[in-house]
């Protein structure tokens, strides 16, 4: 019937030329500024995510219905359509809205809205068998969880808030099966790039490495130290690609910070946290570049035997950084007393 035809909109009418006040999502607080809405949204959703992580959120079987319930809980204070996927027609400000078909961010296109139900079923298959997950090794769990996370990102089922919902969902999945996943050590920049990589190439190991860094305690310690080093340097860790070194990887960079367990290096490809044992016993000055092969699997940190062996494997090159004003090319300090702000509006 004609009166049932969707006539609503997810956004307010554009009545201003101010970019901050254009295409603002309709919200329960009637906030008409993107910046103000982001601030409110972050505070409200951070509280709801904390509730879920404390066991006070929706429970389920880690299927599509459970994912939607988590989105609904996280965004219940912000959007009337919380918990609805973009193939649905929820009521927004008294009017039903059209389903969203095509959706993209930058050069990344997501699954068409008409295929979301099928896409969610496929995305969740790797984690659908509770018995398999119950008996899975940590390696197998990470592989399955990373595959599901990558597929969920490609499906992108919600109009807004996919990242936070997916990350909370996977964190709770880990808790259910005995794996402590701490995604606060994963920077916004890294998560976005890993998600894009997995969407463009499902065989990419980027998201599996993200989960490896978020689960293994020694890798988390190394990343926390790197975050602290960046804070000490006056940088926002969330804006940098920060990761741990992988066994067999050739690393070239400047030492930003170090202690007797881990070291942070600034490389041409981001910030790398390495086992101190893989670096030379005597490190170069901040102006010099160190080259080494990462030999640690992070099962231990700063092992004396590894340190001794590393002395014979490393090569130091006295090269100056090309750009002294970019953190990607400088090593301004080695202090480690910074904290981490978990704010991430884009996830």
Foldseek 3Di string as FASTA:
>chain_A
DVVQPFDDDQADPDPDPPPQQPRHGAWPVRDRGVVVLLVVLLVQLVVQLVCVVVVNADDDQLALQRLLRLQCSSCVRIAPCRSAFQCAFDAGPRTTHHRAFWDDDDPQTAHGQVCLVVLRVVLCVLPNDPVCLLPDDPLSLLVSLLSSLLSQLRSVGHPDDSVVSSVSSSCVSCVVNPFHFALLLFAQVLVVVLSRVCSVPVVDCSSSQSRVCRGDPLSVVLSLQQCQLQVVVVHAVNVWGEGEDDAFDKDKFFWQADDLFWTWGQALRTIYIAALLLFAPDDDPFQWMKITGHHDPSPGGNDPVSNVVNNVTIDIGNHGFPDPVDPSGGRDHHDGDDGHDSDDSRD
